[in-house]
Amino acid sequence: MTLGQPYIGADHSPKLLREAGLLENLESIGWLVHDNGDLDISAENTVGINDELYSAHNSQIVGKGCEILAQAVVDAIKKDRFPLILGGDHSIGAGSLAGLLKGRPNTGVIWVDAHADLNTPEMSESGNMHGMPVGLLMKGMVKQNSMIPGFEWLDSEEMRDVRLDPDSIVYIGLRDVDAKEREILREKKIRCFTMYDIDKDGIGGVMEKALDHLLQKDPNRPLHLSYDIDAVDPHIAQATGTPVRGGLTYREAHFVAEAAARSGNLASAEIVELNPSLSNDSGAAETMELGLGLLTSLMGKSII
């Protein structure tokens, strides 16, 4: 998926991650890998929605892609597999969350991102759907039977109660948050660890607090980690669409993945917004190498 934002190229990264050795790396640390391949999302019906009430570019095809992904995630969970999702832009997070919350309703979410992705079409300043996956799934954010074209499936009888509780998500690495998102984060008392918190308490302290928050009521709770590469500082991860200076260092980025893996609760993960077309060859290669390393750290690779 690349239509959740304005740049071409994000849809190439799953192929490049495979070519860089992702499957072999996972097998080398003990995983039995089933590769679903790229999901088949038709380029038809790319209708944009824009009026004075809300803005959601390419909502029909993004919504259909998310529906297909949600079902693939549910199918993987039924087979007792670990869904590892390769983006694509972060609009796919709506599909990931929907599938995970349907298959494992108690899932806690670690959202590693420079941005909160908490917009709804009514709120969004840009209309880009990669800024909406959490907003579309957050409990109380979108009224019943008010989903935009392409996302009507979230209002179906089967899915209408599949929503994310504000207490079930923590943010890591925030540093570029819209004013309306800021209001919602405060109003719903969503746990956020910004770059200020990381500077103040260190990444170790932040991850300990994040995991404690999600696991305090149920130490066996399954966790999902959604990793937007723009959480990492752009001098390390150049090839991404919405870079923001002052992000995670190389080691901080890996520590987030390692701490989640070491918790023993990580049950699904995704990585998004790697876009090799948005940098020169060396910048693209470094970003893809970082993405590959973060995925293997998430899946349990350790220094010793």
C-alpha atoms as a PDB file:
ATOM      1  CA  MET A   1       0.000   0.000   0.000  1.00  0.00           C
ATOM      2  CA  THR A   2       1.326   3.410  -0.941  1.00  0.00           C
ATOM      3  CA  LEU A   3      -1.894   5.399  -1.445  1.00  0.00           C
ATOM      4  CA  GLY A   4      -2.259   6.378   2.193  1.00  0.00           C
ATOM      5  CA  GLN A   5       0.230   9.186   1.556  1.00  0.00           C
ATOM      6  CA  PRO A   6       1.361  11.239  -1.465  1.00  0.00           C
ATOM      7  CA  TYR A   7       4.643   9.535  -2.467  1.00  0.00           C
ATOM      8  CA  ILE A   8       5.224   6.502  -4.654  1.00  0.00           C
ATOM      9  CA  GLY A   9       7.586   3.767  -3.517  1.00  0.00           C
ATOM     10  CA  ALA A  10       6.498   2.614  -0.054  1.00  0.00           C
ATOM     11  CA  ASP A  11       4.913  -0.477  -1.623  1.00  0.00           C
ATOM     12  CA  HIS A  12       8.334  -1.665  -2.845  1.00  0.00           C
ATOM     13  CA  SER A  13       9.795  -2.219   0.608  1.00  0.00           C
ATOM     14  CA  PRO A  14       8.333  -5.706   1.329  1.00  0.00           C
ATOM     15  CA  LYS A  15       9.996  -7.043  -1.816  1.00  0.00           C
ATOM     16  CA  LEU A  16      13.279  -5.342  -0.915  1.00  0.00           C
ATOM     17  CA  LEU A  17      13.176  -6.678   2.645  1.00  0.00           C
ATOM     18  CA  ARG A  18      12.708 -10.188   1.294  1.00  0.00           C
ATOM     19  CA  GLU A  19      15.548  -9.721  -1.186  1.00  0.00           C
ATOM     20  CA  ALA A  20      17.772  -8.437   1.618  1.00  0.00           C
ATOM     21  CA  GLY A  21      17.367 -11.767   3.411  1.00  0.00           C
ATOM     22  CA  LEU A  22      14.496 -11.290   5.869  1.00  0.00           C
ATOM     23  CA  LEU A  23      13.120 -14.821   5.578  1.00  0.00           C
ATOM     24  CA  GLU A  24      16.576 -16.387   5.901  1.00  0.00           C
ATOM     25  CA  ASN A  25      17.354 -14.175   8.897  1.00  0.00           C
ATOM     26  CA  LEU A  26      14.164 -15.263  10.640  1.00  0.00           C
ATOM     27  CA  GLU A  27      14.875 -18.921   9.941  1.00  0.00           C
ATOM     28  CA  SER A  28      18.419 -18.502  11.293  1.00  0.00           C
ATOM     29  CA  ILE A  29      17.030 -17.484  14.714  1.00  0.00           C
ATOM     30  CA  GLY A  30      14.643 -20.420  14.853  1.00  0.00           C
ATOM     31  CA  TRP A  31      11.424 -19.313  13.176  1.00  0.00           C
ATOM     32  CA  LEU A  32       9.434 -21.504  10.825  1.00  0.00           C
ATOM     33  CA  VAL A  33       8.326 -18.972   8.215  1.00  0.00           C
ATOM     34  CA  HIS A  34       5.210 -19.006   6.068  1.00  0.00           C
ATOM     35  CA  ASP A  35       5.335 -16.138   3.570  1.00  0.00           C
ATOM     36  CA  ASN A  36       1.850 -15.056   2.506  1.00  0.00           C
ATOM     37  CA  GLY A  37       3.343 -12.969  -0.275  1.00  0.00           C
ATOM     38  CA  ASP A  38       2.007  -9.524  -1.100  1.00  0.00           C
ATOM     39  CA  LEU A  39      -1.728  -9.150  -0.634  1.00  0.00           C
ATOM     40  CA  ASP A  40      -3.646  -8.598  -3.861  1.00  0.00           C
ATOM     41  CA  ILE A  41      -5.074  -5.091  -3.708  1.00  0.00           C
ATOM     42  CA  SER A  42      -6.673  -3.911  -6.956  1.00  0.00           C
ATOM     43  CA  ALA A  43      -5.907  -0.384  -8.150  1.00  0.00           C
ATOM     44  CA  GLU A  44      -9.536   0.125  -9.162  1.00  0.00           C
ATOM     45  CA  ASN A  45     -11.910   2.491  -7.379  1.00  0.00           C
ATOM     46  CA  THR A  46      -9.240   4.897  -6.170  1.00  0.00           C
ATOM     47  CA  VAL A  47     -11.890   7.473  -5.385  1.00  0.00           C
ATOM     48  CA  GLY A  48     -10.793  10.341  -3.160  1.00  0.00           C
ATOM     49  CA  ILE A  49     -13.177  11.959  -0.707  1.00  0.00           C
ATOM     50  CA  ASN A  50     -12.864  15.694  -0.196  1.00  0.00           C
ATOM     51  CA  ASP A  51     -15.501  18.158   0.991  1.00  0.00           C
ATOM     52  CA  GLU A  52     -16.037  20.724   3.693  1.00  0.00           C
ATOM     53  CA  LEU A  53     -16.801  18.034   6.278  1.00  0.00           C
ATOM     54  CA  TYR A  54     -13.788  15.790   5.989  1.00  0.00           C
ATOM     55  CA  SER A  55     -10.870  14.728   3.848  1.00  0.00           C
ATOM     56  CA  ALA A  56      -9.655  11.199   3.200  1.00  0.00           C
ATOM     57  CA  HIS A  57      -7.653  10.644   0.046  1.00  0.00           C
ATOM     58  CA  ASN A  58      -8.047   7.286  -1.745  1.00  0.00           C
ATOM     59  CA  SER A  59     -10.293   6.007   1.022  1.00  0.00           C
ATOM     60  CA  GLN A  60     -11.908   3.282  -1.067  1.00  0.00           C
ATOM     61  CA  ILE A  61      -8.744   1.459  -2.080  1.00  0.00           C
ATOM     62  CA  VAL A  62      -7.045   2.046   1.276  1.00  0.00           C
ATOM     63  CA  GLY A  63     -10.153   0.739   3.043  1.00  0.00           C
ATOM     64  CA  LYS A  64     -10.327  -2.338   0.806  1.00  0.00           C
ATOM     65  CA  GLY A  65      -6.645  -3.038   1.366  1.00  0.00           C
ATOM     66  CA  CYS A  66      -7.131  -2.770   5.118  1.00  0.00           C
ATOM     67  CA  GLU A  67     -10.106  -5.145   4.960  1.00  0.00           C
ATOM     68  CA  ILE A  68      -8.028  -7.728   3.078  1.00  0.00           C
ATOM     69  CA  LEU A  69      -5.169  -7.347   5.567  1.00  0.00           C
ATOM     70  CA  ALA A  70      -7.497  -7.619   8.574  1.00  0.00           C
ATOM     71  CA  GLN A  71      -8.834 -10.935   7.290  1.00  0.00           C
ATOM     72  CA  ALA A  72      -5.300 -12.232   6.620  1.00  0.00           C
ATOM     73  CA  VAL A  73      -4.336 -11.354  10.202  1.00  0.00           C
ATOM     74  CA  VAL A  74      -7.431 -13.090  11.613  1.00  0.00           C
ATOM     75  CA  ASP A  75      -6.617 -16.185   9.539  1.00  0.00           C
ATOM     76  CA  ALA A  76      -3.025 -16.212  10.825  1.00  0.00           C
ATOM     77  CA  ILE A  77      -4.194 -15.944  14.437  1.00  0.00           C
ATOM     78  CA  LYS A  78      -6.620 -18.845  13.952  1.00  0.00           C
ATOM     79  CA  LYS A  79      -3.618 -20.925  12.865  1.00  0.00           C
ATOM     80  CA  ASP A  80      -1.711 -19.823  15.972  1.00  0.00           C
ATOM     81  CA  ARG A  81       0.857 -17.929  13.910  1.00  0.00           C
ATOM     82  CA  PHE A  82       2.764 -14.734  14.643  1.00  0.00           C
ATOM     83  CA  PRO A  83       1.519 -12.148  12.114  1.00  0.00           C
ATOM     84  CA  LEU A  84       4.524 -10.174  10.841  1.00  0.00           C
ATOM     85  CA  ILE A  85       3.274  -7.405   8.562  1.00  0.00           C
ATOM     86  CA  LEU A  86       5.446  -5.535   6.080  1.00  0.00           C
ATOM     87  CA  GLY A  87       4.318  -2.127   4.798  1.00  0.00           C
ATOM     88  CA  GLY A  88       3.662  -0.093   2.808  1.00  0.00           C
ATOM     89  CA  ASP A  89       2.583   3.143   4.400  1.00  0.00           C
ATOM     90  CA  HIS A  90       1.040   3.323   7.857  1.00  0.00           C
ATOM     91  CA  SER A  91      -2.542   3.409   6.595  1.00  0.00           C
ATOM     92  CA  ILE A  92      -2.320  -0.401   6.693  1.00  0.00           C
ATOM     93  CA  GLY A  93      -2.282  -0.093  10.486  1.00  0.00           C
ATOM     94  CA  ALA A  94      -6.073   0.161  10.431  1.00  0.00           C
ATOM     95  CA  GLY A  95      -6.214  -3.306   8.882  1.00  0.00           C
ATOM     96  CA  SER A  96      -3.594  -4.694  11.251  1.00  0.00           C
ATOM     97  CA  LEU A  97      -5.365  -3.346  14.334  1.00  0.00           C
ATOM     98  CA  ALA A  98      -8.786  -4.507  13.160  1.00  0.00           C
ATOM     99  CA  GLY A  99      -7.556  -8.040  12.523  1.00  0.00           C
ATOM    100  CA  LEU A 100      -5.611  -8.247  15.762  1.00  0.00           C
ATOM    101  CA  LEU A 101      -8.434  -6.886  17.920  1.00  0.00           C
ATOM    102  CA  LYS A 102     -10.855  -9.286  16.232  1.00  0.00           C
ATOM    103  CA  GLY A 103      -8.574 -12.297  16.692  1.00  0.00           C
ATOM    104  CA  ARG A 104      -7.080 -11.327  20.055  1.00  0.00           C
ATOM    105  CA  PRO A 105      -9.376  -8.717  21.705  1.00  0.00           C
ATOM    106  CA  ASN A 106      -7.041  -8.281  24.673  1.00  0.00           C
ATOM    107  CA  THR A 107      -4.102  -7.130  22.537  1.00  0.00           C
ATOM    108  CA  GLY A 108      -2.019  -4.261  23.879  1.00  0.00           C
ATOM    109  CA  VAL A 109      -0.399  -1.975  21.315  1.00  0.00           C
ATOM    110  CA  ILE A 110       3.028  -0.310  21.249  1.00  0.00           C
ATOM    111  CA  TRP A 111       2.961   2.399  18.567  1.00  0.00           C
ATOM    112  CA  VAL A 112       6.503   3.508  17.709  1.00  0.00           C
ATOM    113  CA  ASP A 113       6.190   6.648  15.622  1.00  0.00           C
ATOM    114  CA  ALA A 114       7.063  10.324  15.333  1.00  0.00           C
ATOM    115  CA  HIS A 115       3.329  10.910  14.787  1.00  0.00           C
ATOM    116  CA  ALA A 116       0.217   9.890  16.723  1.00  0.00           C
ATOM    117  CA  ASP A 117      -1.795   8.746  13.637  1.00  0.00           C
ATOM    118  CA  LEU A 118      -4.886   9.605  15.653  1.00  0.00           C
ATOM    119  CA  ASN A 119      -6.645  11.728  13.053  1.00  0.00           C
ATOM    120  CA  THR A 120     -10.065  11.031  11.636  1.00  0.00           C
ATOM    121  CA  PRO A 121     -11.241  12.382   8.266  1.00  0.00           C
ATOM    122  CA  GLU A 122     -13.100  15.178  10.033  1.00  0.00           C
ATOM    123  CA  MET A 123      -9.920  16.234  11.862  1.00  0.00           C
ATOM    124  CA  SER A 124      -7.222  15.676   9.276  1.00  0.00           C
ATOM    125  CA  GLU A 125      -5.443  18.698   7.849  1.00  0.00           C
ATOM    126  CA  SER A 126      -3.846  16.745   4.983  1.00  0.00           C
ATOM    127  CA  GLY A 127      -6.408  14.033   4.181  1.00  0.00           C
ATOM    128  CA  ASN A 128      -3.588  11.471   4.073  1.00  0.00           C
ATOM    129  CA  MET A 129      -4.827   8.214   5.522  1.00  0.00           C
ATOM    130  CA  HIS A 130      -1.489   7.106   6.948  1.00  0.00           C
ATOM    131  CA  GLY A 131      -2.277   9.636   9.701  1.00  0.00           C
ATOM    132  CA  MET A 132      -5.579   7.937  10.627  1.00  0.00           C
ATOM    133  CA  PRO A 133      -5.149   4.233  11.508  1.00  0.00           C
ATOM    134  CA  VAL A 134      -5.379   4.684  15.274  1.00  0.00           C
ATOM    135  CA  GLY A 135      -8.138   7.297  15.001  1.00  0.00           C
ATOM    136  CA  LEU A 136     -10.336   5.005  12.893  1.00  0.00           C
ATOM    137  CA  LEU A 137     -10.019   2.138  15.399  1.00  0.00           C
ATOM    138  CA  MET A 138      -9.990   4.098  18.670  1.00  0.00           C
ATOM    139  CA  LYS A 139     -13.109   3.566  20.759  1.00  0.00           C
ATOM    140  CA  GLY A 140     -15.448   6.555  20.548  1.00  0.00           C
ATOM    141  CA  MET A 141     -13.574   8.375  17.784  1.00  0.00           C
ATOM    142  CA  VAL A 142     -15.881   7.555  14.845  1.00  0.00           C
ATOM    143  CA  LYS A 143     -19.620   7.252  15.365  1.00  0.00           C
ATOM    144  CA  GLN A 144     -21.336   4.014  14.407  1.00  0.00           C
ATOM    145  CA  ASN A 145     -22.423   3.886  10.769  1.00  0.00           C
ATOM    146  CA  SER A 146     -20.258   6.925   9.984  1.00  0.00           C
ATOM    147  CA  MET A 147     -17.303   5.168   8.372  1.00  0.00           C
ATOM    148  CA  ILE A 148     -16.073   6.696   5.119  1.00  0.00           C
ATOM    149  CA  PRO A 149     -16.303   4.881   1.754  1.00  0.00           C
ATOM    150  CA  GLY A 150     -14.002   1.867   1.760  1.00  0.00           C
ATOM    151  CA  PHE A 151     -14.213   1.349   5.511  1.00  0.00           C
ATOM    152  CA  GLU A 152     -17.884   0.371   5.793  1.00  0.00           C
ATOM    153  CA  TRP A 153     -16.734  -3.127   6.781  1.00  0.00           C
ATOM    154  CA  LEU A 154     -15.691  -1.687  10.161  1.00  0.00           C
ATOM    155  CA  ASP A 155     -19.383  -0.898  10.781  1.00  0.00           C
ATOM    156  CA  SER A 156     -20.536  -4.434   9.978  1.00  0.00           C
ATOM    157  CA  GLU A 157     -22.195  -6.485  12.695  1.00  0.00           C
ATOM    158  CA  GLU A 158     -19.069  -8.608  12.966  1.00  0.00           C
ATOM    159  CA  MET A 159     -16.686  -5.666  13.363  1.00  0.00           C
ATOM    160  CA  ARG A 160     -18.607  -2.785  14.974  1.00  0.00           C
ATOM    161  CA  ASP A 161     -17.396  -3.668  18.488  1.00  0.00           C
ATOM    162  CA  VAL A 162     -13.811  -4.265  17.384  1.00  0.00           C
ATOM    163  CA  ARG A 163     -12.266  -1.084  18.758  1.00  0.00           C
ATOM    164  CA  LEU A 164      -9.128  -0.071  20.622  1.00  0.00           C
ATOM    165  CA  ASP A 165      -9.483   1.012  24.232  1.00  0.00           C
ATOM    166  CA  PRO A 166      -7.466   4.191  24.964  1.00  0.00           C
ATOM    167  CA  ASP A 167      -5.788   2.387  27.853  1.00  0.00           C
ATOM    168  CA  SER A 168      -4.555  -0.367  25.530  1.00  0.00           C
ATOM    169  CA  ILE A 169      -2.026   1.639  23.519  1.00  0.00           C
ATOM    170  CA  VAL A 170       1.247   3.356  24.379  1.00  0.00           C
ATOM    171  CA  TYR A 171       3.186   5.660  22.095  1.00  0.00           C
ATOM    172  CA  ILE A 172       6.971   5.690  21.849  1.00  0.00           C
ATOM    173  CA  GLY A 173       8.950   8.476  20.166  1.00  0.00           C
ATOM    174  CA  LEU A 174       6.277  11.115  19.511  1.00  0.00           C
ATOM    175  CA  ARG A 175       7.588  14.511  18.400  1.00  0.00           C
ATOM    176  CA  ASP A 176       5.193  15.827  15.724  1.00  0.00           C
ATOM    177  CA  VAL A 177       1.589  15.807  16.976  1.00  0.00           C
ATOM    178  CA  ASP A 178      -1.318  17.803  15.525  1.00  0.00           C
ATOM    179  CA  ALA A 179      -3.181  20.166  17.856  1.00  0.00           C
ATOM    180  CA  LYS A 180      -6.432  18.169  17.730  1.00  0.00           C
ATOM    181  CA  GLU A 181      -4.546  14.912  18.308  1.00  0.00           C
ATOM    182  CA  ARG A 182      -2.930  16.509  21.357  1.00  0.00           C
ATOM    183  CA  GLU A 183      -6.369  17.310  22.751  1.00  0.00           C
ATOM    184  CA  ILE A 184      -7.524  13.717  22.305  1.00  0.00           C
ATOM    185  CA  LEU A 185      -4.365  12.260  23.849  1.00  0.00           C
ATOM    186  CA  ARG A 186      -5.001  14.378  26.940  1.00  0.00           C
ATOM    187  CA  GLU A 187      -8.769  13.872  27.011  1.00  0.00           C
ATOM    188  CA  LYS A 188      -8.529  10.088  26.741  1.00  0.00           C
ATOM    189  CA  LYS A 189      -5.446   9.925  29.001  1.00  0.00           C
ATOM    190  CA  ILE A 190      -3.528   7.861  26.458  1.00  0.00           C
ATOM    191  CA  ARG A 191      -0.054   6.917  27.663  1.00  0.00           C
ATOM    192  CA  CYS A 192       2.581   8.703  25.578  1.00  0.00           C
ATOM    193  CA  PHE A 193       6.362   8.672  25.769  1.00  0.00           C
ATOM    194  CA  THR A 194       7.680  11.519  23.662  1.00  0.00           C
ATOM    195  CA  MET A 195      11.287  12.196  22.758  1.00  0.00           C
ATOM    196  CA  TYR A 196      11.378  14.435  25.845  1.00  0.00           C
ATOM    197  CA  ASP A 197      10.616  11.398  28.019  1.00  0.00           C
ATOM    198  CA  ILE A 198      13.287   9.361  26.238  1.00  0.00           C
ATOM    199  CA  ASP A 199      15.833  12.129  26.771  1.00  0.00           C
ATOM    200  CA  LYS A 200      14.804  12.443  30.421  1.00  0.00           C
ATOM    201  CA  ASP A 201      14.427   8.817  31.496  1.00  0.00           C
ATOM    202  CA  GLY A 202      16.407   6.930  28.859  1.00  0.00           C
ATOM    203  CA  ILE A 203      15.005   4.390  26.476  1.00  0.00           C
ATOM    204  CA  GLY A 204      15.352   1.619  29.052  1.00  0.00           C
ATOM    205  CA  GLY A 205      13.213   3.451  31.581  1.00  0.00           C
ATOM    206  CA  VAL A 206      10.641   4.378  28.953  1.00  0.00           C
ATOM    207  CA  MET A 207      10.250   0.804  27.693  1.00  0.00           C
ATOM    208  CA  GLU A 208       9.962  -0.499  31.240  1.00  0.00           C
ATOM    209  CA  LYS A 209       7.153   1.977  31.968  1.00  0.00           C
ATOM    210  CA  ALA A 210       5.432   1.238  28.642  1.00  0.00           C
ATOM    211  CA  LEU A 211       5.437  -2.516  29.215  1.00  0.00           C
ATOM    212  CA  ASP A 212       4.360  -2.109  32.844  1.00  0.00           C
ATOM    213  CA  HIS A 213       1.385  -0.014  31.711  1.00  0.00           C
ATOM    214  CA  LEU A 214       0.207  -2.574  29.163  1.00  0.00           C
ATOM    215  CA  LEU A 215       0.865  -5.653  31.297  1.00  0.00           C
ATOM    216  CA  GLN A 216      -0.140  -4.432  34.761  1.00  0.00           C
ATOM    217  CA  LYS A 217      -3.581  -6.082  34.683  1.00  0.00           C
ATOM    218  CA  ASP A 218      -2.592  -9.185  32.736  1.00  0.00           C
ATOM    219  CA  PRO A 219       1.068 -10.257  32.644  1.00  0.00           C
ATOM    220  CA  ASN A 220       0.237 -12.749  29.866  1.00  0.00           C
ATOM    221  CA  ARG A 221      -1.405 -10.199  27.588  1.00  0.00           C
ATOM    222  CA  PRO A 222      -0.448 -10.419  23.882  1.00  0.00           C
ATOM    223  CA  LEU A 223       1.309  -7.338  22.522  1.00  0.00           C
ATOM    224  CA  HIS A 224       1.498  -5.853  19.042  1.00  0.00           C
ATOM    225  CA  LEU A 225       4.278  -3.478  18.035  1.00  0.00           C
ATOM    226  CA  SER A 226       3.739  -1.151  15.086  1.00  0.00           C
ATOM    227  CA  TYR A 227       7.068   0.344  14.005  1.00  0.00           C
ATOM    228  CA  ASP A 228       7.039   3.397  11.753  1.00  0.00           C
ATOM    229  CA  ILE A 229      10.588   3.924  10.541  1.00  0.00           C
ATOM    230  CA  ASP A 230      10.132   7.690  10.895  1.00  0.00           C
ATOM    231  CA  ALA A 231      10.378   7.185  14.656  1.00  0.00           C
ATOM    232  CA  VAL A 232      14.110   6.935  13.980  1.00  0.00           C
ATOM    233  CA  ASP A 233      16.110  10.101  13.390  1.00  0.00           C
ATOM    234  CA  PRO A 234      16.248  10.928   9.652  1.00  0.00           C
ATOM    235  CA  HIS A 235      20.034  11.026   9.538  1.00  0.00           C
ATOM    236  CA  ILE A 236      19.822   7.251  10.194  1.00  0.00           C
ATOM    237  CA  ALA A 237      16.551   6.514   8.358  1.00  0.00           C
ATOM    238  CA  GLN A 238      16.476   8.890   5.386  1.00  0.00           C
ATOM    239  CA  ALA A 239      14.172   6.929   3.102  1.00  0.00           C
ATOM    240  CA  THR A 240      10.771   7.727   4.572  1.00  0.00           C
ATOM    241  CA  GLY A 241       7.952  10.079   3.665  1.00  0.00           C
ATOM    242  CA  THR A 242       7.469  12.247   6.764  1.00  0.00           C
ATOM    243  CA  PRO A 243      10.873  12.580   8.468  1.00  0.00           C
ATOM    244  CA  VAL A 244      11.135  14.636  11.658  1.00  0.00           C
ATOM    245  CA  ARG A 245      14.465  15.598  13.168  1.00  0.00           C
ATOM    246  CA  GLY A 246      15.340  14.587  16.707  1.00  0.00           C
ATOM    247  CA  GLY A 247      14.233  10.955  16.627  1.00  0.00           C
ATOM    248  CA  LEU A 248      15.500   7.683  18.041  1.00  0.00           C
ATOM    249  CA  THR A 249      19.183   6.882  17.730  1.00  0.00           C
ATOM    250  CA  TYR A 250      20.305   3.616  16.140  1.00  0.00           C
ATOM    251  CA  ARG A 251      20.701   1.894  19.503  1.00  0.00           C
ATOM    252  CA  GLU A 252      17.472   3.351  20.933  1.00  0.00           C
ATOM    253  CA  ALA A 253      15.605   2.075  17.886  1.00  0.00           C
ATOM    254  CA  HIS A 254      16.972  -1.427  18.402  1.00  0.00           C
ATOM    255  CA  PHE A 255      16.399  -1.328  22.160  1.00  0.00           C
ATOM    256  CA  VAL A 256      12.680  -0.726  21.608  1.00  0.00           C
ATOM    257  CA  ALA A 257      12.529  -3.883  19.484  1.00  0.00           C
ATOM    258  CA  GLU A 258      14.729  -5.903  21.827  1.00  0.00           C
ATOM    259  CA  ALA A 259      12.758  -4.926  24.937  1.00  0.00           C
ATOM    260  CA  ALA A 260       9.469  -5.857  23.272  1.00  0.00           C
ATOM    261  CA  ALA A 261      10.882  -9.219  22.218  1.00  0.00           C
ATOM    262  CA  ARG A 262      12.361  -9.921  25.666  1.00  0.00           C
ATOM    263  CA  SER A 263       9.024  -9.243  27.342  1.00  0.00           C
ATOM    264  CA  GLY A 264       7.873 -12.645  26.065  1.00  0.00           C
ATOM    265  CA  ASN A 265       4.482 -11.131  25.218  1.00  0.00           C
ATOM    266  CA  LEU A 266       5.070  -9.946  21.667  1.00  0.00           C
ATOM    267  CA  ALA A 267       2.538 -11.759  19.501  1.00  0.00           C
ATOM    268  CA  SER A 268       2.520  -9.654  16.306  1.00  0.00           C
ATOM    269  CA  ALA A 269       4.458  -6.817  14.703  1.00  0.00           C
ATOM    270  CA  GLU A 270       4.623  -4.599  11.654  1.00  0.00           C
ATOM    271  CA  ILE A 271       7.079  -2.192  10.071  1.00  0.00           C
ATOM    272  CA  VAL A 272       5.990   0.610   7.764  1.00  0.00           C
ATOM    273  CA  GLU A 273       6.950   3.740   5.831  1.00  0.00           C
ATOM    274  CA  LEU A 274      10.253   2.516   4.386  1.00  0.00           C
ATOM    275  CA  ASN A 275      10.374   4.229   1.005  1.00  0.00           C
ATOM    276  CA  PRO A 276      13.592   3.715  -0.972  1.00  0.00           C
ATOM    277  CA  SER A 277      12.495   6.170  -3.672  1.00  0.00           C
ATOM    278  CA  LEU A 278      12.828   9.098  -1.240  1.00  0.00           C
ATOM    279  CA  SER A 279      16.595   8.982  -0.777  1.00  0.00           C
ATOM    280  CA  ASN A 280      19.765   8.429  -2.748  1.00  0.00           C
ATOM    281  CA  ASP A 281      21.093   4.891  -3.161  1.00  0.00           C
ATOM    282  CA  SER A 282      23.171   4.895   0.026  1.00  0.00           C
ATOM    283  CA  GLY A 283      20.360   6.439   2.108  1.00  0.00           C
ATOM    284  CA  ALA A 284      17.849   3.945   0.758  1.00  0.00           C
ATOM    285  CA  ALA A 285      20.199   1.024   1.441  1.00  0.00           C
ATOM    286  CA  GLU A 286      20.889   2.199   4.991  1.00  0.00           C
ATOM    287  CA  THR A 287      17.177   2.600   5.726  1.00  0.00           C
ATOM    288  CA  MET A 288      16.332  -0.846   4.370  1.00  0.00           C
ATOM    289  CA  GLU A 289      19.222  -2.365   6.332  1.00  0.00           C
ATOM    290  CA  LEU A 290      17.917  -0.682   9.479  1.00  0.00           C
ATOM    291  CA  GLY A 291      14.417  -2.010   8.813  1.00  0.00           C
ATOM    292  CA  LEU A 292      15.788  -5.514   8.336  1.00  0.00           C
ATOM    293  CA  GLY A 293      17.756  -5.254  11.580  1.00  0.00           C
ATOM    294  CA  LEU A 294      14.777  -3.959  13.540  1.00  0.00           C
ATOM    295  CA  LEU A 295      12.612  -6.823  12.307  1.00  0.00           C
ATOM    296  CA  THR A 296      15.148  -9.459  13.353  1.00  0.00           C
ATOM    297  CA  SER A 297      15.520  -7.739  16.747  1.00  0.00           C
ATOM    298  CA  LEU A 298      11.730  -7.761  17.143  1.00  0.00           C
ATOM    299  CA  MET A 299      11.692 -11.450  16.359  1.00  0.00           C
ATOM    300  CA  GLY A 300      14.243 -12.305  19.011  1.00  0.00           C
ATOM    301  CA  LYS A 301      17.767 -11.799  17.701  1.00  0.00           C
ATOM    302  CA  SER A 302      20.038 -10.830  20.583  1.00  0.00           C
ATOM    303  CA  ILE A 303      23.628  -9.660  20.906  1.00  0.00           C
ATOM    304  CA  ILE A 304      24.546 -12.754  22.939  1.00  0.00           C
END
